[in-house]
């Protein structure tokens, strides 16, 4: 573990993403201040962070004594100014409401040193809008992690036209220090990259449901038993490069004309309420909401084992 114990990171928001960010920084020796104005959320956050750390106990990467020592490095605050005192980097992870984010960014920027980077973990709201009332908006950027970032080892860095190279470089160094791969986007785009790729797959999946081609669980099976296994070790471009004799050049000549024809044909629209309700009903039949937490724990343990297998 890298000794970052004197470096303080402030997380603003104690929900799932804020708690997951806190976990990954704690694992790599940082001190963390977590701001949340609801004491009930504090309690949930503490439970979530400990649960994340316990994954590393189960895999023999940590023991309970080390986890208890790690937990000494996080402080919880209901006062934003106190949470920001002495911070070296701020990550905002509140609800996906633009006005709330604009206001919290403004407040943060008024209470920290002018060179401290402020990053938003929004999944889709652009930093150019979030930072519109921020002092020194050149230190602002989107920092969108995989969820949870202590398992999915990357984060998207999305600058606005105002973001400085210094802020980008600081963020890349920070991510590398917690063993996350920095994915730097060249400019803002709706949904960034992760959600655009995920959204493209979901768009086609809902289209297949809308046109009564297949059941939702069968789509999950195809991804889990097929595409997902490939994508666990390589991305889509490397997949087709290896799967086609003659590589991606041959694949593009054979398959792209077919894809163009296939996607030009009109079916029912993709995101119809009727089909969304059908998928929801099928998922809740397979997994009641009361069993969701246990299934998430199962998922995280499986991902952890897969990561160790692929090292």
C-alpha atoms as a PDB file:
ATOM      1  CA  UNK A   1       0.000   0.000   0.000  1.00  0.00           C
ATOM      2  CA  UNK A   2       1.299   3.441  -0.982  1.00  0.00           C
ATOM      3  CA  UNK A   3       1.780   5.830   1.925  1.00  0.00           C
ATOM      4  CA  UNK A   4      -0.622   8.656   1.155  1.00  0.00           C
ATOM      5  CA  UNK A   5      -1.639   9.100   4.795  1.00  0.00           C
ATOM      6  CA  UNK A   6      -0.931  12.832   4.878  1.00  0.00           C
ATOM      7  CA  UNK A   7      -3.018  13.550   1.779  1.00  0.00           C
ATOM      8  CA  UNK A   8      -6.643  14.455   2.408  1.00  0.00           C
ATOM      9  CA  UNK A   9      -9.413  13.776  -0.101  1.00  0.00           C
ATOM     10  CA  UNK A  10     -12.868  15.238   0.460  1.00  0.00           C
ATOM     11  CA  UNK A  11     -15.906  13.340  -0.788  1.00  0.00           C
ATOM     12  CA  UNK A  12     -19.105  15.386  -0.975  1.00  0.00           C
ATOM     13  CA  UNK A  13     -22.045  12.991  -0.777  1.00  0.00           C
ATOM     14  CA  UNK A  14     -22.325   9.740   1.162  1.00  0.00           C
ATOM     15  CA  UNK A  15     -24.433   7.638  -1.200  1.00  0.00           C
ATOM     16  CA  UNK A  16     -23.273   4.578  -3.140  1.00  0.00           C
ATOM     17  CA  UNK A  17     -20.750   6.384  -5.348  1.00  0.00           C
ATOM     18  CA  UNK A  18     -19.394   8.647  -2.607  1.00  0.00           C
ATOM     19  CA  UNK A  19     -18.933   5.676  -0.275  1.00  0.00           C
ATOM     20  CA  UNK A  20     -17.271   3.646  -3.031  1.00  0.00           C
ATOM     21  CA  UNK A  21     -14.852   6.508  -3.763  1.00  0.00           C
ATOM     22  CA  UNK A  22     -14.052   6.734  -0.058  1.00  0.00           C
ATOM     23  CA  UNK A  23     -13.353   2.998   0.018  1.00  0.00           C
ATOM     24  CA  UNK A  24     -10.835   3.048  -2.819  1.00  0.00           C
ATOM     25  CA  UNK A  25      -8.956   6.046  -1.380  1.00  0.00           C
ATOM     26  CA  UNK A  26      -8.844   4.479   2.077  1.00  0.00           C
ATOM     27  CA  UNK A  27      -7.470   1.266   0.581  1.00  0.00           C
ATOM     28  CA  UNK A  28      -4.545   3.233  -0.831  1.00  0.00           C
ATOM     29  CA  UNK A  29      -3.594   5.095   2.317  1.00  0.00           C
ATOM     30  CA  UNK A  30      -5.390   8.408   1.899  1.00  0.00           C
ATOM     31  CA  UNK A  31      -7.208  10.274   4.626  1.00  0.00           C
ATOM     32  CA  UNK A  32     -10.826  10.959   3.687  1.00  0.00           C
ATOM     33  CA  UNK A  33     -13.312  13.589   4.814  1.00  0.00           C
ATOM     34  CA  UNK A  34     -16.858  12.673   3.827  1.00  0.00           C
ATOM     35  CA  UNK A  35     -19.517  15.382   3.844  1.00  0.00           C
ATOM     36  CA  UNK A  36     -23.181  14.446   4.087  1.00  0.00           C
ATOM     37  CA  UNK A  37     -25.862  16.546   5.798  1.00  0.00           C
ATOM     38  CA  UNK A  38     -27.936  13.530   6.848  1.00  0.00           C
ATOM     39  CA  UNK A  39     -26.737  11.456   9.817  1.00  0.00           C
ATOM     40  CA  UNK A  40     -28.764   8.458   8.597  1.00  0.00           C
ATOM     41  CA  UNK A  41     -26.744   8.539   5.373  1.00  0.00           C
ATOM     42  CA  UNK A  42     -23.561   8.672   7.484  1.00  0.00           C
ATOM     43  CA  UNK A  43     -24.567   5.370   9.087  1.00  0.00           C
ATOM     44  CA  UNK A  44     -25.378   3.770   5.726  1.00  0.00           C
ATOM     45  CA  UNK A  45     -22.091   5.031   4.296  1.00  0.00           C
ATOM     46  CA  UNK A  46     -20.073   3.551   7.170  1.00  0.00           C
ATOM     47  CA  UNK A  47     -21.774   0.207   6.615  1.00  0.00           C
ATOM     48  CA  UNK A  48     -21.168   0.356   2.851  1.00  0.00           C
ATOM     49  CA  UNK A  49     -17.470   1.230   3.236  1.00  0.00           C
ATOM     50  CA  UNK A  50     -16.878  -1.549   5.753  1.00  0.00           C
ATOM     51  CA  UNK A  51     -18.675  -3.984   3.453  1.00  0.00           C
ATOM     52  CA  UNK A  52     -16.379  -2.989   0.582  1.00  0.00           C
ATOM     53  CA  UNK A  53     -13.274  -3.386   2.727  1.00  0.00           C
ATOM     54  CA  UNK A  54     -14.457  -6.793   3.944  1.00  0.00           C
ATOM     55  CA  UNK A  55     -14.205  -8.066   0.367  1.00  0.00           C
ATOM     56  CA  UNK A  56     -10.453  -7.697   0.708  1.00  0.00           C
ATOM     57  CA  UNK A  57     -10.480  -9.647   3.981  1.00  0.00           C
ATOM     58  CA  UNK A  58     -12.312 -12.540   2.320  1.00  0.00           C
ATOM     59  CA  UNK A  59      -9.686 -12.627  -0.434  1.00  0.00           C
ATOM     60  CA  UNK A  60      -6.833 -12.555   2.115  1.00  0.00           C
ATOM     61  CA  UNK A  61      -5.622  -9.172   0.844  1.00  0.00           C
ATOM     62  CA  UNK A  62      -6.374  -7.596   4.228  1.00  0.00           C
ATOM     63  CA  UNK A  63      -7.074  -8.729   7.775  1.00  0.00           C
ATOM     64  CA  UNK A  64      -9.613  -7.306  10.224  1.00  0.00           C
ATOM     65  CA  UNK A  65      -6.935  -5.398  12.157  1.00  0.00           C
ATOM     66  CA  UNK A  66      -5.807  -3.569   8.996  1.00  0.00           C
ATOM     67  CA  UNK A  67      -9.418  -2.779   8.113  1.00  0.00           C
ATOM     68  CA  UNK A  68      -9.962  -1.229  11.543  1.00  0.00           C
ATOM     69  CA  UNK A  69      -6.787   0.833  11.088  1.00  0.00           C
ATOM     70  CA  UNK A  70      -7.945   1.936   7.637  1.00  0.00           C
ATOM     71  CA  UNK A  71     -11.312   3.028   9.018  1.00  0.00           C
ATOM     72  CA  UNK A  72      -9.500   5.385  11.396  1.00  0.00           C
ATOM     73  CA  UNK A  73      -8.544   7.466   8.338  1.00  0.00           C
ATOM     74  CA  UNK A  74     -12.072   8.611   7.487  1.00  0.00           C
ATOM     75  CA  UNK A  75     -13.970  11.431   9.186  1.00  0.00           C
ATOM     76  CA  UNK A  76     -17.648  12.223   8.648  1.00  0.00           C
ATOM     77  CA  UNK A  77     -18.971  15.765   8.604  1.00  0.00           C
ATOM     78  CA  UNK A  78     -22.339  17.469   8.468  1.00  0.00           C
ATOM     79  CA  UNK A  79     -20.573  20.818   7.993  1.00  0.00           C
ATOM     80  CA  UNK A  80     -19.179  21.356   4.480  1.00  0.00           C
ATOM     81  CA  UNK A  81     -16.565  23.938   5.462  1.00  0.00           C
ATOM     82  CA  UNK A  82     -15.085  21.617   8.089  1.00  0.00           C
ATOM     83  CA  UNK A  83     -15.037  18.738   5.595  1.00  0.00           C
ATOM     84  CA  UNK A  84     -13.093  20.893   3.129  1.00  0.00           C
ATOM     85  CA  UNK A  85     -10.469  22.106   5.605  1.00  0.00           C
ATOM     86  CA  UNK A  86      -6.993  21.167   4.356  1.00  0.00           C
ATOM     87  CA  UNK A  87      -8.256  19.126   1.419  1.00  0.00           C
ATOM     88  CA  UNK A  88      -6.029  18.373  -1.574  1.00  0.00           C
ATOM     89  CA  UNK A  89      -8.770  17.156  -3.937  1.00  0.00           C
ATOM     90  CA  UNK A  90     -12.583  17.258  -3.901  1.00  0.00           C
ATOM     91  CA  UNK A  91     -14.962  14.742  -5.471  1.00  0.00           C
ATOM     92  CA  UNK A  92     -18.647  15.637  -5.601  1.00  0.00           C
ATOM     93  CA  UNK A  93     -21.006  12.651  -5.563  1.00  0.00           C
ATOM     94  CA  UNK A  94     -24.436  14.036  -4.682  1.00  0.00           C
ATOM     95  CA  UNK A  95     -27.738  13.303  -6.437  1.00  0.00           C
ATOM     96  CA  UNK A  96     -28.045  13.803 -10.199  1.00  0.00           C
ATOM     97  CA  UNK A  97     -29.728  17.206  -9.997  1.00  0.00           C
ATOM     98  CA  UNK A  98     -28.087  19.984 -11.998  1.00  0.00           C
ATOM     99  CA  UNK A  99     -29.134  22.882  -9.753  1.00  0.00           C
ATOM    100  CA  UNK A 100     -27.971  21.042  -6.635  1.00  0.00           C
ATOM    101  CA  UNK A 101     -24.610  20.347  -8.257  1.00  0.00           C
ATOM    102  CA  UNK A 102     -24.210  23.944  -9.450  1.00  0.00           C
ATOM    103  CA  UNK A 103     -24.839  25.217  -5.919  1.00  0.00           C
ATOM    104  CA  UNK A 104     -22.566  22.707  -4.177  1.00  0.00           C
ATOM    105  CA  UNK A 105     -19.736  23.433  -6.654  1.00  0.00           C
ATOM    106  CA  UNK A 106     -20.136  27.155  -5.985  1.00  0.00           C
ATOM    107  CA  UNK A 107     -19.986  26.571  -2.215  1.00  0.00           C
ATOM    108  CA  UNK A 108     -17.003  24.235  -2.489  1.00  0.00           C
ATOM    109  CA  UNK A 109     -15.040  26.677  -4.657  1.00  0.00           C
ATOM    110  CA  UNK A 110     -15.537  29.459  -2.102  1.00  0.00           C
ATOM    111  CA  UNK A 111     -14.059  27.402   0.727  1.00  0.00           C
ATOM    112  CA  UNK A 112     -10.919  25.762  -0.685  1.00  0.00           C
ATOM    113  CA  UNK A 113      -7.571  26.877  -2.064  1.00  0.00           C
ATOM    114  CA  UNK A 114      -7.819  28.105  -5.643  1.00  0.00           C
ATOM    115  CA  UNK A 115      -5.607  25.319  -7.023  1.00  0.00           C
ATOM    116  CA  UNK A 116      -7.608  22.408  -5.535  1.00  0.00           C
ATOM    117  CA  UNK A 117      -9.343  20.362  -8.231  1.00  0.00           C
ATOM    118  CA  UNK A 118     -13.113  19.862  -7.950  1.00  0.00           C
ATOM    119  CA  UNK A 119     -14.401  16.769  -9.750  1.00  0.00           C
ATOM    120  CA  UNK A 120     -17.985  15.682 -10.301  1.00  0.00           C
ATOM    121  CA  UNK A 121     -18.911  11.997 -10.412  1.00  0.00           C
ATOM    122  CA  UNK A 122     -22.062  12.675 -12.417  1.00  0.00           C
ATOM    123  CA  UNK A 123     -22.917   9.932 -14.892  1.00  0.00           C
ATOM    124  CA  UNK A 124     -24.202  12.342 -17.532  1.00  0.00           C
ATOM    125  CA  UNK A 125     -24.350  16.003 -16.415  1.00  0.00           C
ATOM    126  CA  UNK A 126     -21.484  17.915 -18.110  1.00  0.00           C
ATOM    127  CA  UNK A 127     -18.969  19.834 -16.048  1.00  0.00           C
ATOM    128  CA  UNK A 128     -19.404  22.907 -18.268  1.00  0.00           C
ATOM    129  CA  UNK A 129     -22.917  23.283 -16.814  1.00  0.00           C
ATOM    130  CA  UNK A 130     -22.142  22.097 -13.276  1.00  0.00           C
ATOM    131  CA  UNK A 131     -19.288  24.603 -12.897  1.00  0.00           C
ATOM    132  CA  UNK A 132     -21.053  27.646 -14.337  1.00  0.00           C
ATOM    133  CA  UNK A 133     -21.045  29.493 -10.969  1.00  0.00           C
ATOM    134  CA  UNK A 134     -17.756  28.061  -9.711  1.00  0.00           C
ATOM    135  CA  UNK A 135     -14.759  30.227  -8.838  1.00  0.00           C
ATOM    136  CA  UNK A 136     -11.771  29.239 -11.020  1.00  0.00           C
ATOM    137  CA  UNK A 137     -13.664  26.779 -13.242  1.00  0.00           C
ATOM    138  CA  UNK A 138     -10.363  25.792 -14.889  1.00  0.00           C
ATOM    139  CA  UNK A 139      -9.856  23.312 -11.993  1.00  0.00           C
ATOM    140  CA  UNK A 140     -13.225  21.576 -12.610  1.00  0.00           C
ATOM    141  CA  UNK A 141     -13.859  18.323 -14.491  1.00  0.00           C
ATOM    142  CA  UNK A 142     -16.046  15.232 -14.604  1.00  0.00           C
ATOM    143  CA  UNK A 143     -14.566  12.134 -12.978  1.00  0.00           C
ATOM    144  CA  UNK A 144     -16.891   9.230 -13.753  1.00  0.00           C
ATOM    145  CA  UNK A 145     -15.900   5.881 -12.209  1.00  0.00           C
ATOM    146  CA  UNK A 146     -16.970   2.355 -12.886  1.00  0.00           C
ATOM    147  CA  UNK A 147     -19.144   1.237 -10.007  1.00  0.00           C
ATOM    148  CA  UNK A 148     -17.672   0.313  -7.611  1.00  0.00           C
ATOM    149  CA  UNK A 149     -14.261   1.863  -8.371  1.00  0.00           C
ATOM    150  CA  UNK A 150     -12.449  -0.416  -5.924  1.00  0.00           C
ATOM    151  CA  UNK A 151     -13.330  -3.276  -8.310  1.00  0.00           C
ATOM    152  CA  UNK A 152     -13.680  -1.669 -11.762  1.00  0.00           C
ATOM    153  CA  UNK A 153     -10.246  -0.216 -12.285  1.00  0.00           C
ATOM    154  CA  UNK A 154     -10.854   2.832 -14.455  1.00  0.00           C
ATOM    155  CA  UNK A 155     -12.408   6.282 -14.371  1.00  0.00           C
ATOM    156  CA  UNK A 156     -13.357   8.647 -17.179  1.00  0.00           C
ATOM    157  CA  UNK A 157     -11.874  12.142 -17.009  1.00  0.00           C
ATOM    158  CA  UNK A 158     -14.032  14.590 -18.954  1.00  0.00           C
ATOM    159  CA  UNK A 159     -12.836  18.194 -19.299  1.00  0.00           C
ATOM    160  CA  UNK A 160     -14.781  21.258 -20.350  1.00  0.00           C
ATOM    161  CA  UNK A 161     -13.240  23.841 -22.654  1.00  0.00           C
ATOM    162  CA  UNK A 162     -12.158  25.689 -19.477  1.00  0.00           C
ATOM    163  CA  UNK A 163     -10.380  22.773 -17.757  1.00  0.00           C
ATOM    164  CA  UNK A 164      -6.632  23.303 -17.373  1.00  0.00           C
ATOM    165  CA  UNK A 165      -3.913  20.822 -18.273  1.00  0.00           C
ATOM    166  CA  UNK A 166      -2.721  21.091 -14.674  1.00  0.00           C
ATOM    167  CA  UNK A 167      -6.081  19.860 -13.349  1.00  0.00           C
ATOM    168  CA  UNK A 168      -6.075  16.984 -15.841  1.00  0.00           C
ATOM    169  CA  UNK A 169      -2.510  15.988 -14.966  1.00  0.00           C
ATOM    170  CA  UNK A 170      -3.260  16.105 -11.234  1.00  0.00           C
ATOM    171  CA  UNK A 171      -6.292  13.891 -11.756  1.00  0.00           C
ATOM    172  CA  UNK A 172      -4.398  11.358 -13.850  1.00  0.00           C
ATOM    173  CA  UNK A 173      -1.691  11.127 -11.183  1.00  0.00           C
ATOM    174  CA  UNK A 174      -4.319  10.746  -8.466  1.00  0.00           C
ATOM    175  CA  UNK A 175      -6.054   7.907 -10.305  1.00  0.00           C
ATOM    176  CA  UNK A 176      -2.785   6.097 -10.920  1.00  0.00           C
ATOM    177  CA  UNK A 177      -1.981   6.350  -7.203  1.00  0.00           C
ATOM    178  CA  UNK A 178      -5.157   4.356  -6.440  1.00  0.00           C
ATOM    179  CA  UNK A 179      -4.496   1.933  -9.322  1.00  0.00           C
ATOM    180  CA  UNK A 180      -7.296   3.185 -11.570  1.00  0.00           C
ATOM    181  CA  UNK A 181      -6.679   3.563 -15.297  1.00  0.00           C
ATOM    182  CA  UNK A 182      -7.392   7.168 -16.350  1.00  0.00           C
ATOM    183  CA  UNK A 183      -9.492   7.385 -19.523  1.00  0.00           C
ATOM    184  CA  UNK A 184      -9.139  10.962 -20.783  1.00  0.00           C
ATOM    185  CA  UNK A 185     -11.887  12.096 -23.141  1.00  0.00           C
ATOM    186  CA  UNK A 186     -10.837  14.750 -25.641  1.00  0.00           C
ATOM    187  CA  UNK A 187     -14.037  16.748 -25.135  1.00  0.00           C
ATOM    188  CA  UNK A 188     -17.478  16.624 -23.559  1.00  0.00           C
ATOM    189  CA  UNK A 189     -20.049  14.247 -25.020  1.00  0.00           C
ATOM    190  CA  UNK A 190     -23.469  13.258 -23.685  1.00  0.00           C
ATOM    191  CA  UNK A 191     -23.179  10.205 -21.431  1.00  0.00           C
ATOM    192  CA  UNK A 192     -19.370  10.099 -21.742  1.00  0.00           C
ATOM    193  CA  UNK A 193     -18.001   6.768 -23.078  1.00  0.00           C
ATOM    194  CA  UNK A 194     -19.028   4.122 -20.538  1.00  0.00           C
ATOM    195  CA  UNK A 195     -22.714   5.035 -20.595  1.00  0.00           C
ATOM    196  CA  UNK A 196     -22.786   5.483 -24.364  1.00  0.00           C
ATOM    197  CA  UNK A 197     -21.448   1.952 -24.846  1.00  0.00           C
ATOM    198  CA  UNK A 198     -23.755   0.529 -22.197  1.00  0.00           C
ATOM    199  CA  UNK A 199     -26.661   2.555 -23.587  1.00  0.00           C
ATOM    200  CA  UNK A 200     -26.045   1.279 -27.126  1.00  0.00           C
ATOM    201  CA  UNK A 201     -26.297  -2.324 -25.931  1.00  0.00           C
ATOM    202  CA  UNK A 202     -29.414  -1.571 -23.870  1.00  0.00           C
ATOM    203  CA  UNK A 203     -31.000   0.249 -26.805  1.00  0.00           C
ATOM    204  CA  UNK A 204     -30.687  -2.862 -28.961  1.00  0.00           C
ATOM    205  CA  UNK A 205     -31.721  -5.135 -26.080  1.00  0.00           C
ATOM    206  CA  UNK A 206     -34.924  -3.138 -25.537  1.00  0.00           C
ATOM    207  CA  UNK A 207     -35.520  -3.146 -29.304  1.00  0.00           C
ATOM    208  CA  UNK A 208     -35.433  -6.958 -29.307  1.00  0.00           C
ATOM    209  CA  UNK A 209     -37.930  -6.971 -26.424  1.00  0.00           C
ATOM    210  CA  UNK A 210     -40.135  -4.374 -28.153  1.00  0.00           C
ATOM    211  CA  UNK A 211     -40.306  -6.498 -31.285  1.00  0.00           C
ATOM    212  CA  UNK A 212     -41.061  -9.671 -29.284  1.00  0.00           C
ATOM    213  CA  UNK A 213     -37.908 -11.476 -30.434  1.00  0.00           C
ATOM    214  CA  UNK A 214     -36.567 -12.793 -27.129  1.00  0.00           C
ATOM    215  CA  UNK A 215     -37.045 -12.668 -23.355  1.00  0.00           C
ATOM    216  CA  UNK A 216     -34.993 -10.332 -21.157  1.00  0.00           C
ATOM    217  CA  UNK A 217     -33.309 -13.154 -19.241  1.00  0.00           C
ATOM    218  CA  UNK A 218     -32.138 -14.746 -22.497  1.00  0.00           C
ATOM    219  CA  UNK A 219     -30.436 -11.485 -23.458  1.00  0.00           C
ATOM    220  CA  UNK A 220     -28.690 -11.509 -20.075  1.00  0.00           C
ATOM    221  CA  UNK A 221     -27.634 -15.121 -20.713  1.00  0.00           C
ATOM    222  CA  UNK A 222     -26.156 -14.300 -24.131  1.00  0.00           C
ATOM    223  CA  UNK A 223     -24.078 -11.515 -22.608  1.00  0.00           C
ATOM    224  CA  UNK A 224     -23.110 -13.508 -19.512  1.00  0.00           C
ATOM    225  CA  UNK A 225     -22.249 -16.741 -21.332  1.00  0.00           C
ATOM    226  CA  UNK A 226     -20.905 -15.206 -24.538  1.00  0.00           C
ATOM    227  CA  UNK A 227     -20.069 -11.547 -25.060  1.00  0.00           C
ATOM    228  CA  UNK A 228     -19.279 -10.939 -21.398  1.00  0.00           C
ATOM    229  CA  UNK A 229     -16.684 -13.709 -21.264  1.00  0.00           C
ATOM    230  CA  UNK A 230     -14.860 -12.223 -24.238  1.00  0.00           C
ATOM    231  CA  UNK A 231     -15.169  -8.689 -22.936  1.00  0.00           C
ATOM    232  CA  UNK A 232     -13.718  -9.708 -19.575  1.00  0.00           C
ATOM    233  CA  UNK A 233     -10.346 -10.136 -21.282  1.00  0.00           C
ATOM    234  CA  UNK A 234     -10.567  -7.785 -24.290  1.00  0.00           C
ATOM    235  CA  UNK A 235     -12.640  -4.969 -25.764  1.00  0.00           C
ATOM    236  CA  UNK A 236     -14.953  -5.051 -28.804  1.00  0.00           C
ATOM    237  CA  UNK A 237     -12.316  -4.017 -31.346  1.00  0.00           C
ATOM    238  CA  UNK A 238      -9.789  -6.618 -30.211  1.00  0.00           C
ATOM    239  CA  UNK A 239     -12.592  -9.205 -30.085  1.00  0.00           C
ATOM    240  CA  UNK A 240     -13.490  -8.814 -33.756  1.00  0.00           C
ATOM    241  CA  UNK A 241      -9.817  -8.485 -34.709  1.00  0.00           C
ATOM    242  CA  UNK A 242      -9.133 -11.930 -33.218  1.00  0.00           C
ATOM    243  CA  UNK A 243     -12.418 -13.592 -34.186  1.00  0.00           C
ATOM    244  CA  UNK A 244     -12.162 -12.940 -37.923  1.00  0.00           C
ATOM    245  CA  UNK A 245      -9.530 -14.539 -40.123  1.00  0.00           C
ATOM    246  CA  UNK A 246      -7.822 -11.539 -41.660  1.00  0.00           C
ATOM    247  CA  UNK A 247      -8.536  -9.391 -38.620  1.00  0.00           C
ATOM    248  CA  UNK A 248     -10.574  -6.251 -38.254  1.00  0.00           C
ATOM    249  CA  UNK A 249      -9.973  -5.276 -41.890  1.00  0.00           C
ATOM    250  CA  UNK A 250     -11.764  -8.418 -43.115  1.00  0.00           C
ATOM    251  CA  UNK A 251     -14.471  -8.066 -40.479  1.00  0.00           C
ATOM    252  CA  UNK A 252     -15.215  -4.491 -41.551  1.00  0.00           C
ATOM    253  CA  UNK A 253     -15.624  -5.555 -45.198  1.00  0.00           C
ATOM    254  CA  UNK A 254     -17.921  -8.471 -44.355  1.00  0.00           C
ATOM    255  CA  UNK A 255     -19.969  -7.260 -41.402  1.00  0.00           C
ATOM    256  CA  UNK A 256     -20.259  -3.462 -41.601  1.00  0.00           C
ATOM    257  CA  UNK A 257     -22.440  -3.541 -44.769  1.00  0.00           C
ATOM    258  CA  UNK A 258     -24.661  -6.069 -42.951  1.00  0.00           C
ATOM    259  CA  UNK A 259     -24.793  -3.901 -39.818  1.00  0.00           C
ATOM    260  CA  UNK A 260     -25.747  -0.858 -41.919  1.00  0.00           C
ATOM    261  CA  UNK A 261     -28.558  -2.814 -43.556  1.00  0.00           C
ATOM    262  CA  UNK A 262     -29.725  -4.321 -40.260  1.00  0.00           C
ATOM    263  CA  UNK A 263     -29.888  -1.002 -38.423  1.00  0.00           C
ATOM    264  CA  UNK A 264     -31.587   0.790 -41.318  1.00  0.00           C
ATOM    265  CA  UNK A 265     -34.635  -1.477 -41.023  1.00  0.00           C
ATOM    266  CA  UNK A 266     -37.377   0.042 -38.938  1.00  0.00           C
ATOM    267  CA  UNK A 267     -38.954  -1.844 -36.066  1.00  0.00           C
ATOM    268  CA  UNK A 268     -40.849  -0.637 -33.061  1.00  0.00           C
ATOM    269  CA  UNK A 269     -39.212   2.178 -31.121  1.00  0.00           C
ATOM    270  CA  UNK A 270     -36.580   1.139 -28.606  1.00  0.00           C
ATOM    271  CA  UNK A 271     -37.630   2.439 -25.199  1.00  0.00           C
ATOM    272  CA  UNK A 272     -41.390   1.847 -25.066  1.00  0.00           C
ATOM    273  CA  UNK A 273     -43.004   1.915 -21.607  1.00  0.00           C
ATOM    274  CA  UNK A 274     -44.724  -1.418 -22.238  1.00  0.00           C
ATOM    275  CA  UNK A 275     -41.445  -3.201 -22.903  1.00  0.00           C
ATOM    276  CA  UNK A 276     -39.641  -1.481 -20.037  1.00  0.00           C
ATOM    277  CA  UNK A 277     -42.419  -2.682 -17.706  1.00  0.00           C
ATOM    278  CA  UNK A 278     -42.045  -6.182 -19.145  1.00  0.00           C
ATOM    279  CA  UNK A 279     -38.304  -6.229 -18.394  1.00  0.00           C
ATOM    280  CA  UNK A 280     -38.902  -4.861 -14.892  1.00  0.00           C
ATOM    281  CA  UNK A 281     -41.520  -7.548 -14.202  1.00  0.00           C
ATOM    282  CA  UNK A 282     -39.196 -10.290 -15.437  1.00  0.00           C
ATOM    283  CA  UNK A 283     -36.306  -9.009 -13.340  1.00  0.00           C
ATOM    284  CA  UNK A 284     -38.415  -8.683 -10.177  1.00  0.00           C
ATOM    285  CA  UNK A 285     -39.716 -12.232 -10.672  1.00  0.00           C
ATOM    286  CA  UNK A 286     -36.114 -13.453 -10.840  1.00  0.00           C
ATOM    287  CA  UNK A 287     -34.860 -11.128  -8.101  1.00  0.00           C
ATOM    288  CA  UNK A 288     -37.229  -9.471  -5.590  1.00  0.00           C
ATOM    289  CA  UNK A 289     -36.050  -6.085  -4.325  1.00  0.00           C
ATOM    290  CA  UNK A 290     -35.593  -7.540  -0.849  1.00  0.00           C
ATOM    291  CA  UNK A 291     -32.851  -9.822  -2.184  1.00  0.00           C
ATOM    292  CA  UNK A 292     -31.048  -7.103  -4.153  1.00  0.00           C
ATOM    293  CA  UNK A 293     -28.387  -6.361  -1.530  1.00  0.00           C
ATOM    294  CA  UNK A 294     -27.376 -10.014  -1.262  1.00  0.00           C
ATOM    295  CA  UNK A 295     -27.145 -10.292  -5.047  1.00  0.00           C
ATOM    296  CA  UNK A 296     -24.958  -7.173  -5.228  1.00  0.00           C
ATOM    297  CA  UNK A 297     -22.609  -8.743  -2.677  1.00  0.00           C
ATOM    298  CA  UNK A 298     -22.556 -11.927  -4.769  1.00  0.00           C
ATOM    299  CA  UNK A 299     -21.749  -9.865  -7.885  1.00  0.00           C
ATOM    300  CA  UNK A 300     -18.906  -7.994  -6.201  1.00  0.00           C
ATOM    301  CA  UNK A 301     -17.364 -11.232  -4.912  1.00  0.00           C
ATOM    302  CA  UNK A 302     -17.546 -12.773  -8.393  1.00  0.00           C
ATOM    303  CA  UNK A 303     -15.938  -9.697  -9.966  1.00  0.00           C
ATOM    304  CA  UNK A 304     -13.219  -9.750  -7.303  1.00  0.00           C
ATOM    305  CA  UNK A 305     -12.438 -13.406  -8.072  1.00  0.00           C
ATOM    306  CA  UNK A 306     -12.403 -12.661 -11.794  1.00  0.00           C
ATOM    307  CA  UNK A 307      -9.993  -9.756 -11.309  1.00  0.00           C
ATOM    308  CA  UNK A 308      -7.610 -11.972  -9.347  1.00  0.00           C
ATOM    309  CA  UNK A 309      -7.901 -14.687 -11.993  1.00  0.00           C
ATOM    310  CA  UNK A 310      -7.040 -12.258 -14.796  1.00  0.00           C
ATOM    311  CA  UNK A 311      -3.953 -10.785 -13.092  1.00  0.00           C
END
